Structure formats: C-alpha cells, structure tokens
C-alpha atoms as a PDB file:
ATOM      1  CA  MET A   1     104.943 112.975 101.707  1.00  0.00           C
ATOM      2  CA  THR A   2     104.182 111.484 105.143  1.00  0.00           C
ATOM      3  CA  ALA A   3     104.056 107.768 105.824  1.00  0.00           C
ATOM      4  CA  ALA A   4     100.727 106.089 106.491  1.00  0.00           C
ATOM      5  CA  PRO A   5     100.182 105.240 110.183  1.00  0.00           C
ATOM      6  CA  SER A   6     101.439 101.775 111.019  1.00  0.00           C
ATOM      7  CA  PHE A   7      98.176 100.897 112.831  1.00  0.00           C
ATOM      8  CA  TRP A   8      96.349 101.048 109.495  1.00  0.00           C
ATOM      9  CA  TRP A   9      98.003  97.790 108.439  1.00  0.00           C
ATOM     10  CA  ARG A  10      97.291  95.700 111.528  1.00  0.00           C
ATOM     11  CA  ALA A  11      94.904  92.791 111.138  1.00  0.00           C
ATOM     12  CA  ARG A  12      92.406  94.312 113.578  1.00  0.00           C
ATOM     13  CA  PRO A  13      91.558  97.885 114.580  1.00  0.00           C
ATOM     14  CA  GLY A  14      93.366  99.082 117.695  1.00  0.00           C
ATOM     15  CA  PRO A  15      92.623 101.925 120.135  1.00  0.00           C
ATOM     16  CA  ALA A  16      93.919 104.645 117.809  1.00  0.00           C
ATOM     17  CA  ALA A  17      91.750 103.433 114.926  1.00  0.00           C
ATOM     18  CA  LEU A  18      88.653 103.174 117.107  1.00  0.00           C
ATOM     19  CA  ALA A  19      89.201 106.660 118.552  1.00  0.00           C
ATOM     20  CA  LEU A  20      89.148 108.112 115.030  1.00  0.00           C
ATOM     21  CA  TRP A  21      86.036 106.190 113.966  1.00  0.00           C
ATOM     22  CA  PRO A  22      83.605 109.177 114.161  1.00  0.00           C
ATOM     23  CA  ILE A  23      85.762 111.062 111.651  1.00  0.00           C
ATOM     24  CA  SER A  24      85.998 107.957 109.474  1.00  0.00           C
ATOM     25  CA  LYS A  25      82.208 107.741 109.397  1.00  0.00           C
ATOM     26  CA  ILE A  26      81.996 111.291 108.039  1.00  0.00           C
ATOM     27  CA  TRP A  27      84.724 110.512 105.517  1.00  0.00           C
ATOM     28  CA  GLY A  28      82.829 107.416 104.377  1.00  0.00           C
ATOM     29  CA  GLN A  29      79.587 109.320 103.870  1.00  0.00           C
ATOM     30  CA  SER A  30      81.369 112.016 101.874  1.00  0.00           C
ATOM     31  CA  SER A  31      83.283 109.555  99.680  1.00  0.00           C
ATOM     32  CA  ALA A  32      80.141 107.502  99.050  1.00  0.00           C
ATOM     33  CA  MET A  33      78.243 110.601  97.934  1.00  0.00           C
ATOM     34  CA  ARG A  34      81.063 111.431  95.553  1.00  0.00           C
ATOM     35  CA  MET A  35      81.295 107.932  94.086  1.00  0.00           C
ATOM     36  CA  ASN A  36      77.533 107.815  93.533  1.00  0.00           C
ATOM     37  CA  LYS A  37      77.510 110.917  91.339  1.00  0.00           C
ATOM     38  CA  PRO A  38      76.688 110.211  87.676  1.00  0.00           C
ATOM     39  CA  PRO A  39      79.634 110.438  85.236  1.00  0.00           C
ATOM     40  CA  LEU A  40      80.118 113.757  83.470  1.00  0.00           C
ATOM     41  CA  PHE A  41      81.684 112.345  80.314  1.00  0.00           C
ATOM     42  CA  ARG A  42      81.550 109.077  78.401  1.00  0.00           C
ATOM     43  CA  PRO A  43      84.440 108.941  75.929  1.00  0.00           C
ATOM     44  CA  PRO A  44      83.758 107.338  72.535  1.00  0.00           C
ATOM     45  CA  VAL A  45      86.479 104.753  73.269  1.00  0.00           C
ATOM     46  CA  PRO A  46      86.695 102.082  75.995  1.00  0.00           C
ATOM     47  CA  VAL A  47      87.829 103.234  79.438  1.00  0.00           C
ATOM     48  CA  ILE A  48      89.663 100.706  81.626  1.00  0.00           C
ATOM     49  CA  CYS A  49      90.237 101.841  85.200  1.00  0.00           C
ATOM     50  CA  VAL A  50      93.039 100.435  87.366  1.00  0.00           C
ATOM     51  CA  GLY A  51      92.476 101.412  90.982  1.00  0.00           C
ATOM     52  CA  ASN A  52      92.576 100.084  94.504  1.00  0.00           C
ATOM     53  CA  PHE A  53      90.465 100.155  97.631  1.00  0.00           C
ATOM     54  CA  VAL A  54      93.092 101.655  99.926  1.00  0.00           C
ATOM     55  CA  VAL A  55      95.594 104.475 100.174  1.00  0.00           C
ATOM     56  CA  GLY A  56      99.092 103.542  99.118  1.00  0.00           C
ATOM     57  CA  GLY A  57     100.756 101.362  96.540  1.00  0.00           C
ATOM     58  CA  ALA A  58      99.117  98.168  95.365  1.00  0.00           C
ATOM     59  CA  GLY A  59     100.808  97.756  91.989  1.00  0.00           C
ATOM     60  CA  LYS A  60      98.455  99.959  89.953  1.00  0.00           C
ATOM     61  CA  THR A  61     101.073 101.404  87.615  1.00  0.00           C
ATOM     62  CA  PRO A  62     102.697  98.068  86.619  1.00  0.00           C
ATOM     63  CA  THR A  63      99.173  96.696  86.131  1.00  0.00           C
ATOM     64  CA  ALA A  64      98.193  99.609  83.889  1.00  0.00           C
ATOM     65  CA  ILE A  65     101.338  99.042  81.820  1.00  0.00           C
ATOM     66  CA  ALA A  66     100.593  95.301  81.533  1.00  0.00           C
ATOM     67  CA  LEU A  67      97.030  96.050  80.365  1.00  0.00           C
ATOM     68  CA  ALA A  68      98.333  98.548  77.808  1.00  0.00           C
ATOM     69  CA  ARG A  69     100.564  95.860  76.345  1.00  0.00           C
ATOM     70  CA  ILE A  70      97.577  93.510  76.140  1.00  0.00           C
ATOM     71  CA  ALA A  71      95.553  96.230  74.392  1.00  0.00           C
ATOM     72  CA  ARG A  72      98.368  96.854  71.933  1.00  0.00           C
ATOM     73  CA  ARG A  73      98.518  93.142  71.069  1.00  0.00           C
ATOM     74  CA  GLN A  74      94.801  93.371  70.286  1.00  0.00           C
ATOM     75  CA  GLY A  75      95.502  96.057  67.708  1.00  0.00           C
ATOM     76  CA  LEU A  76      94.454  98.990  69.900  1.00  0.00           C
ATOM     77  CA  LYS A  77      96.290 102.250  70.587  1.00  0.00           C
ATOM     78  CA  PRO A  78      96.295 102.643  74.384  1.00  0.00           C
ATOM     79  CA  GLY A  79      96.701 105.937  76.191  1.00  0.00           C
ATOM     80  CA  PHE A  80      97.106 106.513  79.928  1.00  0.00           C
ATOM     81  CA  LEU A  81      95.174 108.974  82.056  1.00  0.00           C
ATOM     82  CA  ALA A  82      96.555 109.956  85.465  1.00  0.00           C
ATOM     83  CA  SER A  83      95.991 112.742  87.959  1.00  0.00           C
ATOM     84  CA  GLY A  84      99.636 113.826  88.088  1.00  0.00           C
ATOM     85  CA  TYR A  85      99.758 113.347  91.852  1.00  0.00           C
ATOM     86  CA  GLY A  86     102.923 114.805  93.342  1.00  0.00           C
ATOM     87  CA  GLY A  87     103.521 117.206  90.459  1.00  0.00           C
ATOM     88  CA  SER A  88     102.964 120.946  90.269  1.00  0.00           C
ATOM     89  CA  GLU A  89     100.924 120.920  87.032  1.00  0.00           C
ATOM     90  CA  ALA A  90      97.146 120.893  87.351  1.00  0.00           C
ATOM     91  CA  GLY A  91      96.711 120.061  83.659  1.00  0.00           C
ATOM     92  CA  PRO A  92      95.167 118.967  81.481  1.00  0.00           C
ATOM     93  CA  MET A  93      98.341 118.292  79.505  1.00  0.00           C
ATOM     94  CA  MET A  94     100.257 115.572  77.726  1.00  0.00           C
ATOM     95  CA  VAL A  95     103.362 114.257  79.471  1.00  0.00           C
ATOM     96  CA  ASP A  96     106.674 114.433  77.625  1.00  0.00           C
ATOM     97  CA  ALA A  97     108.834 111.568  78.872  1.00  0.00           C
ATOM     98  CA  ALA A  98     111.955 113.219  77.456  1.00  0.00           C
ATOM     99  CA  THR A  99     111.656 116.660  79.037  1.00  0.00           C
ATOM    100  CA  ASP A 100     109.174 116.567  81.933  1.00  0.00           C
ATOM    101  CA  THR A 101     110.241 115.916  85.528  1.00  0.00           C
ATOM    102  CA  ALA A 102     108.447 114.288  88.450  1.00  0.00           C
ATOM    103  CA  ASP A 103     108.285 117.651  90.224  1.00  0.00           C
ATOM    104  CA  ARG A 104     106.148 118.886  87.349  1.00  0.00           C
ATOM    105  CA  VAL A 105     103.952 115.909  86.372  1.00  0.00           C
ATOM    106  CA  GLY A 106     104.435 113.283  89.111  1.00  0.00           C
ATOM    107  CA  ASP A 107     106.574 110.164  89.081  1.00  0.00           C
ATOM    108  CA  GLU A 108     104.090 107.558  87.844  1.00  0.00           C
ATOM    109  CA  PRO A 109     103.038 109.526  84.726  1.00  0.00           C
ATOM    110  CA  LEU A 110     106.691 109.628  83.627  1.00  0.00           C
ATOM    111  CA  LEU A 111     106.858 105.836  83.806  1.00  0.00           C
ATOM    112  CA  LEU A 112     103.591 105.569  81.867  1.00  0.00           C
ATOM    113  CA  ALA A 113     104.654 108.080  79.214  1.00  0.00           C
ATOM    114  CA  ALA A 114     107.626 105.876  78.333  1.00  0.00           C
ATOM    115  CA  VAL A 115     105.108 103.195  77.295  1.00  0.00           C
ATOM    116  CA  ALA A 116     102.193 105.057  75.662  1.00  0.00           C
ATOM    117  CA  PRO A 117     100.692 108.570  75.278  1.00  0.00           C
ATOM    118  CA  THR A 118      99.894 109.898  78.754  1.00  0.00           C
ATOM    119  CA  ALA A 119      97.719 112.803  79.861  1.00  0.00           C
ATOM    120  CA  ILE A 120      97.479 114.228  83.358  1.00  0.00           C
ATOM    121  CA  GLY A 121      95.075 116.622  85.012  1.00  0.00           C
ATOM    122  CA  LYS A 122      92.764 117.124  87.938  1.00  0.00           C
ATOM    123  CA  ASP A 123      89.893 117.320  85.433  1.00  0.00           C
ATOM    124  CA  ARG A 124      89.709 113.740  84.154  1.00  0.00           C
ATOM    125  CA  ALA A 125      87.218 114.574  81.391  1.00  0.00           C
ATOM    126  CA  ALA A 126      89.442 117.316  79.962  1.00  0.00           C
ATOM    127  CA  SER A 127      92.464 115.002  80.132  1.00  0.00           C
ATOM    128  CA  ALA A 128      90.521 112.252  78.350  1.00  0.00           C
ATOM    129  CA  ARG A 129      89.629 114.653  75.541  1.00  0.00           C
ATOM    130  CA  ILE A 130      93.319 115.439  75.054  1.00  0.00           C
ATOM    131  CA  LEU A 131      94.069 111.724  74.713  1.00  0.00           C
ATOM    132  CA  LEU A 132      91.326 111.422  72.100  1.00  0.00           C
ATOM    133  CA  GLU A 133      92.985 114.219  70.135  1.00  0.00           C
ATOM    134  CA  HIS A 134      96.111 112.056  70.063  1.00  0.00           C
ATOM    135  CA  GLY A 135      94.218 109.179  68.473  1.00  0.00           C
ATOM    136  CA  VAL A 136      94.100 106.692  71.336  1.00  0.00           C
ATOM    137  CA  THR A 137      91.529 103.918  70.926  1.00  0.00           C
ATOM    138  CA  VAL A 138      91.432 102.787  74.566  1.00  0.00           C
ATOM    139  CA  ILE A 139      91.973 104.872  77.718  1.00  0.00           C
ATOM    140  CA  ILE A 140      93.630 103.226  80.711  1.00  0.00           C
ATOM    141  CA  MET A 141      93.182 105.142  83.949  1.00  0.00           C
ATOM    142  CA  ASP A 142      95.988 104.753  86.475  1.00  0.00           C
ATOM    143  CA  ASP A 143      93.959 105.373  89.642  1.00  0.00           C
ATOM    144  CA  GLY A 144      90.646 107.210  89.591  1.00  0.00           C
ATOM    145  CA  PHE A 145      88.552 104.257  90.742  1.00  0.00           C
ATOM    146  CA  GLN A 146      86.759 106.476  93.283  1.00  0.00           C
ATOM    147  CA  ASN A 147      86.506 109.386  90.817  1.00  0.00           C
ATOM    148  CA  PRO A 148      83.067 109.553  89.131  1.00  0.00           C
ATOM    149  CA  THR A 149      83.965 111.993  86.330  1.00  0.00           C
ATOM    150  CA  LEU A 150      84.491 109.453  83.539  1.00  0.00           C
ATOM    151  CA  ALA A 151      82.206 106.561  82.665  1.00  0.00           C
ATOM    152  CA  LYS A 152      84.238 103.370  82.958  1.00  0.00           C
ATOM    153  CA  ASP A 153      83.728 100.216  80.895  1.00  0.00           C
ATOM    154  CA  VAL A 154      85.657  97.961  83.255  1.00  0.00           C
ATOM    155  CA  SER A 155      87.258  98.659  86.641  1.00  0.00           C
ATOM    156  CA  PHE A 156      90.026  96.521  88.092  1.00  0.00           C
ATOM    157  CA  ALA A 157      90.792  96.827  91.809  1.00  0.00           C
ATOM    158  CA  CYS A 158      94.403  95.953  92.616  1.00  0.00           C
ATOM    159  CA  VAL A 159      95.037  94.328  95.997  1.00  0.00           C
ATOM    160  CA  ASP A 160      98.398  93.611  97.591  1.00  0.00           C
ATOM    161  CA  ALA A 161      98.177  89.997  98.795  1.00  0.00           C
ATOM    162  CA  GLY A 162     100.561  90.752 101.660  1.00  0.00           C
ATOM    163  CA  ALA A 163      98.656  93.782 102.953  1.00  0.00           C
ATOM    164  CA  GLY A 164      95.021  93.294 101.931  1.00  0.00           C
ATOM    165  CA  ILE A 165      92.894  96.167 103.204  1.00  0.00           C
ATOM    166  CA  GLY A 166      94.794  96.543 106.468  1.00  0.00           C
ATOM    167  CA  ASN A 167      92.520  96.897 109.492  1.00  0.00           C
ATOM    168  CA  GLY A 168      89.473  97.247 107.234  1.00  0.00           C
ATOM    169  CA  MET A 169      88.583 100.772 108.383  1.00  0.00           C
ATOM    170  CA  MET A 170      88.289 104.026 106.447  1.00  0.00           C
ATOM    171  CA  ILE A 171      90.523 107.089 106.554  1.00  0.00           C
ATOM    172  CA  PRO A 172      91.694 108.241 109.102  1.00  0.00           C
ATOM    173  CA  SER A 173      91.057 105.062 111.140  1.00  0.00           C
ATOM    174  CA  GLY A 174      92.414 102.866 108.378  1.00  0.00           C
ATOM    175  CA  PRO A 175      93.518 102.828 104.746  1.00  0.00           C
ATOM    176  CA  LEU A 176      90.153 102.369 102.973  1.00  0.00           C
ATOM    177  CA  ARG A 177      89.339 105.254 100.625  1.00  0.00           C
ATOM    178  CA  ALA A 178      85.569 104.657 100.706  1.00  0.00           C
ATOM    179  CA  PRO A 179      83.081 102.137 102.154  1.00  0.00           C
ATOM    180  CA  LEU A 180      84.218  98.650 101.171  1.00  0.00           C
ATOM    181  CA  ASP A 181      80.794  97.355 100.094  1.00  0.00           C
ATOM    182  CA  LEU A 182      80.369 100.276  97.704  1.00  0.00           C
ATOM    183  CA  GLN A 183      83.848  99.807  96.281  1.00  0.00           C
ATOM    184  CA  LEU A 184      83.289  96.089  95.779  1.00  0.00           C
ATOM    185  CA  ARG A 185      80.109  96.782  93.842  1.00  0.00           C
ATOM    186  CA  ARG A 186      81.993  99.147  91.539  1.00  0.00           C
ATOM    187  CA  ALA A 187      84.851  96.718  90.866  1.00  0.00           C
ATOM    188  CA  ASP A 188      84.409  94.339  87.923  1.00  0.00           C
ATOM    189  CA  ALA A 189      87.337  92.181  89.045  1.00  0.00           C
ATOM    190  CA  LEU A 190      90.094  92.006  91.627  1.00  0.00           C
ATOM    191  CA  ILE A 191      93.737  91.756  90.648  1.00  0.00           C
ATOM    192  CA  VAL A 192      95.553  90.213  93.602  1.00  0.00           C
ATOM    193  CA  ILE A 193      99.278  90.854  93.358  1.00  0.00           C
ATOM    194  CA  GLY A 194     102.029  88.898  95.073  1.00  0.00           C
ATOM    195  CA  ASP A 195     102.047  86.314  97.846  1.00  0.00           C
ATOM    196  CA  GLY A 196     100.230  86.294 101.160  1.00  0.00           C
ATOM    197  CA  ASP A 197      96.785  85.588 102.596  1.00  0.00           C
ATOM    198  CA  ARG A 198      95.726  89.072 103.747  1.00  0.00           C
ATOM    199  CA  ALA A 199      93.502  89.447 100.666  1.00  0.00           C
ATOM    200  CA  ASP A 200      91.674  86.130 101.152  1.00  0.00           C
ATOM    201  CA  PRO A 201      88.575  87.597 102.897  1.00  0.00           C
ATOM    202  CA  LEU A 202      88.294  90.151 100.114  1.00  0.00           C
ATOM    203  CA  ILE A 203      88.568  87.444  97.455  1.00  0.00           C
ATOM    204  CA  ARG A 204      85.742  85.504  99.107  1.00  0.00           C
ATOM    205  CA  ALA A 205      83.575  88.633  99.353  1.00  0.00           C
ATOM    206  CA  ALA A 206      84.175  89.373  95.671  1.00  0.00           C
ATOM    207  CA  ALA A 207      83.318  85.796  94.723  1.00  0.00           C
ATOM    208  CA  ARG A 208      80.019  85.991  96.617  1.00  0.00           C
ATOM    209  CA  SER A 209      79.062  89.006  94.534  1.00  0.00           C
ATOM    210  CA  GLY A 210      80.141  87.373  91.275  1.00  0.00           C
ATOM    211  CA  ARG A 211      83.392  89.293  90.831  1.00  0.00           C
ATOM    212  CA  PRO A 212      86.309  87.243  89.471  1.00  0.00           C
ATOM    213  CA  THR A 213      89.848  87.429  90.805  1.00  0.00           C
ATOM    214  CA  LEU A 214      92.927  87.546  88.611  1.00  0.00           C
ATOM    215  CA  ARG A 215      96.241  86.586  90.196  1.00  0.00           C
ATOM    216  CA  ALA A 216      99.421  88.401  89.244  1.00  0.00           C
ATOM    217  CA  ALA A 217     103.007  88.829  90.363  1.00  0.00           C
ATOM    218  CA  LEU A 218     105.671  91.491  90.003  1.00  0.00           C
ATOM    219  CA  LYS A 219     108.634  89.805  88.352  1.00  0.00           C
ATOM    220  CA  PRO A 220     112.184  91.191  88.327  1.00  0.00           C
ATOM    221  CA  VAL A 221     114.041  91.596  85.061  1.00  0.00           C
ATOM    222  CA  ARG A 222     117.594  90.279  84.460  1.00  0.00           C
ATOM    223  CA  VAL A 223     117.777  88.398  87.763  1.00  0.00           C
ATOM    224  CA  ARG A 224     121.420  87.274  87.572  1.00  0.00           C
ATOM    225  CA  GLU A 225     122.904  90.758  87.333  1.00  0.00           C
ATOM    226  CA  TRP A 226     121.566  91.675  90.794  1.00  0.00           C
ATOM    227  CA  ARG A 227     123.531  88.900  92.543  1.00  0.00           C
ATOM    228  CA  LYS A 228     127.030  90.234  91.911  1.00  0.00           C
ATOM    229  CA  THR A 229     127.747  93.025  94.413  1.00  0.00           C
ATOM    230  CA  PRO A 230     126.507  93.781  97.960  1.00  0.00           C
ATOM    231  CA  ILE A 231     123.537  96.140  97.789  1.00  0.00           C
ATOM    232  CA  LEU A 232     122.229  99.164  99.681  1.00  0.00           C
ATOM    233  CA  ALA A 233     118.568  99.338  98.661  1.00  0.00           C
ATOM    234  CA  PHE A 234     116.453 102.454  99.226  1.00  0.00           C
ATOM    235  CA  ALA A 235     112.846 103.167  98.284  1.00  0.00           C
ATOM    236  CA  GLY A 236     110.128 105.749  98.794  1.00  0.00           C
ATOM    237  CA  ILE A 237     107.029 103.794  97.781  1.00  0.00           C
ATOM    238  CA  GLY A 238     103.838 102.612  99.472  1.00  0.00           C
ATOM    239  CA  ARG A 239     105.500  99.558 101.026  1.00  0.00           C
ATOM    240  CA  PRO A 240     109.308  99.772 100.794  1.00  0.00           C
ATOM    241  CA  GLU A 241     109.613  96.411 102.554  1.00  0.00           C
ATOM    242  CA  LYS A 242     107.933  94.766  99.564  1.00  0.00           C
ATOM    243  CA  PHE A 243     110.686  96.107  97.313  1.00  0.00           C
ATOM    244  CA  PHE A 244     113.370  94.884  99.707  1.00  0.00           C
ATOM    245  CA  ALA A 245     111.692  91.455  99.861  1.00  0.00           C
ATOM    246  CA  SER A 246     111.745  91.237  96.062  1.00  0.00           C
ATOM    247  CA  LEU A 247     115.534  91.604  96.150  1.00  0.00           C
ATOM    248  CA  ARG A 248     115.862  88.970  98.855  1.00  0.00           C
ATOM    249  CA  ASP A 249     113.609  86.622  96.885  1.00  0.00           C
ATOM    250  CA  ILE A 250     116.144  86.464  94.053  1.00  0.00           C
ATOM    251  CA  ASP A 251     119.045  85.984  96.492  1.00  0.00           C
ATOM    252  CA  ALA A 252     120.497  89.443  95.869  1.00  0.00           C
ATOM    253  CA  PRO A 253     123.212  90.265  98.457  1.00  0.00           C
ATOM    254  CA  LEU A 254     121.147  92.854 100.326  1.00  0.00           C
ATOM    255  CA  THR A 255     123.379  94.408 102.978  1.00  0.00           C
ATOM    256  CA  GLU A 256     121.387  97.474 104.041  1.00  0.00           C
ATOM    257  CA  THR A 257     117.921  98.946 103.425  1.00  0.00           C
ATOM    258  CA  VAL A 258     116.564 102.493 103.819  1.00  0.00           C
ATOM    259  CA  GLY A 259     112.822 103.179 103.502  1.00  0.00           C
ATOM    260  CA  PHE A 260     111.038 106.478 102.894  1.00  0.00           C
ATOM    261  CA  PRO A 261     107.343 107.469 102.605  1.00  0.00           C
ATOM    262  CA  ASP A 262     105.455 107.036  99.328  1.00  0.00           C
ATOM    263  CA  HIS A 263     106.339 109.581  96.579  1.00  0.00           C
ATOM    264  CA  HIS A 264     109.182 110.859  98.753  1.00  0.00           C
ATOM    265  CA  ARG A 265     111.217 113.765  97.412  1.00  0.00           C
ATOM    266  CA  PHE A 266     114.824 113.205  98.417  1.00  0.00           C
ATOM    267  CA  ASP A 267     116.771 116.127  99.842  1.00  0.00           C
ATOM    268  CA  VAL A 268     120.477 116.905  99.666  1.00  0.00           C
ATOM    269  CA  ALA A 269     121.200 115.569 103.165  1.00  0.00           C
ATOM    270  CA  GLU A 270     119.482 112.244 102.424  1.00  0.00           C
ATOM    271  CA  ALA A 271     121.388 111.901  99.157  1.00  0.00           C
ATOM    272  CA  GLY A 272     124.644 112.576 101.005  1.00  0.00           C
ATOM    273  CA  ARG A 273     123.902 109.949 103.650  1.00  0.00           C
ATOM    274  CA  LEU A 274     123.008 107.304 101.067  1.00  0.00           C
ATOM    275  CA  LEU A 275     126.141 108.003  99.054  1.00  0.00           C
ATOM    276  CA  ALA A 276     128.314 107.945 102.191  1.00  0.00           C
ATOM    277  CA  LYS A 277     126.850 104.610 103.327  1.00  0.00           C
ATOM    278  CA  ALA A 278     127.463 103.140  99.874  1.00  0.00           C
ATOM    279  CA  ASP A 279     131.050 104.394  99.810  1.00  0.00           C
ATOM    280  CA  ALA A 280     131.801 103.176 103.337  1.00  0.00           C
ATOM    281  CA  GLY A 281     130.599  99.660 102.638  1.00  0.00           C
ATOM    282  CA  ASN A 282     131.500  99.490  98.940  1.00  0.00           C
ATOM    283  CA  LEU A 283     127.803  98.899  98.275  1.00  0.00           C
ATOM    284  CA  ARG A 284     125.798  99.081  95.085  1.00  0.00           C
ATOM    285  CA  LEU A 285     122.945 101.623  95.332  1.00  0.00           C
ATOM    286  CA  VAL A 286     119.690 100.086  94.075  1.00  0.00           C
ATOM    287  CA  THR A 287     116.216 101.594  94.056  1.00  0.00           C
ATOM    288  CA  THR A 288     112.872 101.350  92.279  1.00  0.00           C
ATOM    289  CA  GLU A 289     112.177 102.754  88.829  1.00  0.00           C
ATOM    290  CA  LYS A 290     109.719 105.187  90.396  1.00  0.00           C
ATOM    291  CA  ASP A 291     112.292 106.484  92.902  1.00  0.00           C
ATOM    292  CA  LEU A 292     114.994 106.897  90.296  1.00  0.00           C
ATOM    293  CA  ILE A 293     112.715 108.817  87.946  1.00  0.00           C
ATOM    294  CA  ARG A 294     111.971 111.308  90.741  1.00  0.00           C
ATOM    295  CA  LEU A 295     115.661 112.251  90.621  1.00  0.00           C
ATOM    296  CA  LYS A 296     115.464 113.197  86.939  1.00  0.00           C
ATOM    297  CA  GLY A 297     116.651 116.767  86.421  1.00  0.00           C
ATOM    298  CA  ALA A 298     118.370 116.888  89.826  1.00  0.00           C
ATOM    299  CA  THR A 299     121.594 118.801  90.463  1.00  0.00           C
ATOM    300  CA  GLY A 300     124.445 118.596  92.961  1.00  0.00           C
ATOM    301  CA  ARG A 301     124.408 115.694  95.409  1.00  0.00           C
ATOM    302  CA  LEU A 302     120.964 114.646  94.200  1.00  0.00           C
ATOM    303  CA  ALA A 303     122.392 114.309  90.695  1.00  0.00           C
ATOM    304  CA  ASP A 304     125.244 112.248  92.132  1.00  0.00           C
ATOM    305  CA  LEU A 305     122.704 109.932  93.740  1.00  0.00           C
ATOM    306  CA  ARG A 306     120.786 109.673  90.464  1.00  0.00           C
ATOM    307  CA  ASP A 307     123.949 108.808  88.552  1.00  0.00           C
ATOM    308  CA  ARG A 308     125.135 106.230  91.089  1.00  0.00           C
ATOM    309  CA  ALA A 309     121.812 104.505  91.757  1.00  0.00           C
ATOM    310  CA  GLU A 310     120.417 101.752  89.570  1.00  0.00           C
ATOM    311  CA  ALA A 311     116.748 100.953  89.054  1.00  0.00           C
ATOM    312  CA  PHE A 312     115.579  97.424  89.800  1.00  0.00           C
ATOM    313  CA  PRO A 313     113.043  96.902  86.993  1.00  0.00           C
ATOM    314  CA  ILE A 314     109.953  94.770  87.441  1.00  0.00           C
ATOM    315  CA  VAL A 315     107.062  93.747  85.203  1.00  0.00           C
ATOM    316  CA  LEU A 316     103.628  92.518  86.173  1.00  0.00           C
ATOM    317  CA  GLU A 317     102.719  89.072  84.873  1.00  0.00           C
ATOM    318  CA  PHE A 318      99.246  87.566  85.104  1.00  0.00           C
ATOM    319  CA  GLU A 319      98.956  83.999  86.345  1.00  0.00           C
ATOM    320  CA  ASN A 320      96.226  83.516  83.745  1.00  0.00           C
ATOM    321  CA  PRO A 321      97.066  85.907  80.892  1.00  0.00           C
ATOM    322  CA  VAL A 322      94.219  84.554  78.767  1.00  0.00           C
ATOM    323  CA  ALA A 323      91.666  85.717  81.361  1.00  0.00           C
ATOM    324  CA  ALA A 324      93.215  89.200  81.461  1.00  0.00           C
ATOM    325  CA  ASP A 325      93.198  89.319  77.670  1.00  0.00           C
ATOM    326  CA  GLU A 326      89.524  88.374  77.595  1.00  0.00           C
ATOM    327  CA  MET A 327      88.567  91.062  80.120  1.00  0.00           C
ATOM    328  CA  VAL A 328      90.254  93.745  78.017  1.00  0.00           C
ATOM    329  CA  ARG A 329      88.499  92.427  74.912  1.00  0.00           C
ATOM    330  CA  ASP A 330      85.147  92.357  76.726  1.00  0.00           C
ATOM    331  CA  ALA A 331      85.629  95.986  77.800  1.00  0.00           C
ATOM    332  CA  VAL A 332      86.249  96.982  74.188  1.00  0.00           C
ATOM    333  CA  LEU A 333      83.215  95.053  72.936  1.00  0.00           C
ATOM    334  CA  GLY A 334      81.039  96.414  75.737  1.00  0.00           C
ATOM    335  CA  ALA A 335      82.037  99.967  74.905  1.00  0.00           C
ATOM    336  CA  ALA A 336      81.275  99.378  71.226  1.00  0.00           C
ATOM    337  CA  VAL A 337      77.810  98.032  72.062  1.00  0.00           C
ATOM    338  CA  GLY A 338      77.146 100.928  74.453  1.00  0.00           C
ATOM    339  CA  SER A 339      78.111 103.556  71.885  1.00  0.00           C
ATOM    340  CA  GLY A 340      76.048 101.836  69.215  1.00  0.00           C
END
C-alpha cells in the first residue's frame, strides 16, 4: 500500500492540491451519484455503520468493537460486516479467526472475528445475508459509510481529533472520500477520537445541522508492563505517529520508531532490518494489533518478526458511555418500527 500524500493533511490546500482540483471535482460528482443511489437491501435487523469522511485510519475498527460490546450488553447478538480490504477473497464469506490470514481476508476482519461473527465481501448485501444465516440480531458495518448497498439505521462518522479532514479537499487533492456536505447529511453522529482541535470546525458544522458529537479515546491496556524495557516501535497504519504518541503518553521508553503505509505488507528485508535494529540496541519490538495480525501465517524472517514483536493493545472508551448506549438502543428501536 502507498502512503497518502503529506499535503492532504495540511490545514490549508497548497499548490499541489489546487492543481488536482479539476480531477477532484469529477471524483466528487461520481461519489455523490453513488451515495445517492437507493439501497438494494434492507436487512430485517438493525444496521449500524461505522465510517469516516476521509481516506485512512480514524479508529473505525476499535469503535465497531466498542459498539458490539454495547450491543451485547443490551442482549443482542452482534455481527460485523467488512469489505475484506487488503485480502484476496472477494467473498461473500465468513471469517475464521483461527485459520484465515490477512492476505486472504484483510487485517481488520481478523481483529473483528475474534470478537463476533464477521462476514466479508465486495457485495455488502450478500455478506449481510450470510450474517443473518448465523443468527446475528444487529449488523455492525466496519466502513461502508459511502456504500449505498445496505439500508442503514444509524451511521457514525469517526473523526481523528488530531487530523480532522486534512485540507478539506476531495481525492486526489485531499483525503475526503465524497463531498463533505453530503457526508454530513448522511451521518447521524460524529465520534471524535483522541485529543486535538483539528475536528472543531467539523463539530460546529455537525451541531448546526443537529448532529450530536460523541467523544472517545483509545486507551492502552496494561500500562505498567510497557515501561520496563527500551522499545523499537513500528507500525503500518493510517497515522503511525499516533501509535508512537500513544506509547509516549504512557511514558514508555520509546527509543526508535519506524513507520510504514496503511495496511503495509512487510517483506523479508524489512523484517531483517527491524530484527537487526532490535538486536543491536537490545530493544523490545512493539507494534499494533493490526500489524501483528498481518504477520499471521508468515514463515522465515517474517515469522521471526512475528514471534519477537508484541502487540500494544488498545480499547476505545466513550467519554459519555450512556449516550453511546442510547444511540445503539435507538437504532434497534428505529429498525423495529421501520420493519413493523
């Protein structure tokens, strides 16, 4: 996978972004036409969509997992629906957390499948039907906010507080996946994750249109155990620096960092370099759960990296868990009324 252009994340559009604007306009028209298509399938259970306005990581998968746990506390049987991005399988199919690999089904579906039944596929309607066959009573879509195939009962738009929507322009001038005004209208609520003020204009725009904002944070697990040994941290996610900052925030002895593009597939040479750096400095290799799961099934030096590296687990916690609980409950009630 290639990294997103750095100019996407500047506060204001620069020359490169402006030069690409004619292409962005065409992209925006095409994406708007797609989003405005009527849904092809309305499942007989509630559908909760967790998406974002921009390309790249915004915390969708931890949010989907947090919402599944809320649903389970409400007596529901959640199931995840994902596209399987990064995997070779087109689907539709159920993910087997024990035997599938990221090369086959994608990295995020493997994380989801460890929590609840998970289906992947380019055809979202067909994947949803498979989940229904497995008895799920609420479908949680990890991504798919811009996909019109399924009727959604509630759509959450995740926003990274430290990145916002970058320069505010559409692909390829900026990171927006579709026109912002259209996306805001389709979002029932924002979930702003982490610290920073880059999302503040978006929060105000959502408030003007009556959309609430839920605040959340990604919290590390077992904080003390990460403070013992000097660390070499590596990550191939949307914003590796956010992962590195999370280690610094808990006073972990972070000696060296190595970033890669989102969904990066490590090669033998990269594994060798990381292992050599760790050996030379007597450093502990630490990465994200998503990066480590991409090494599942690896052999040779990649297997050595998998065995040496440790995942730094995080969970998403809502600042106001009662509000999140109520929004899940409202989605369930709304779906019941709609089907009645």
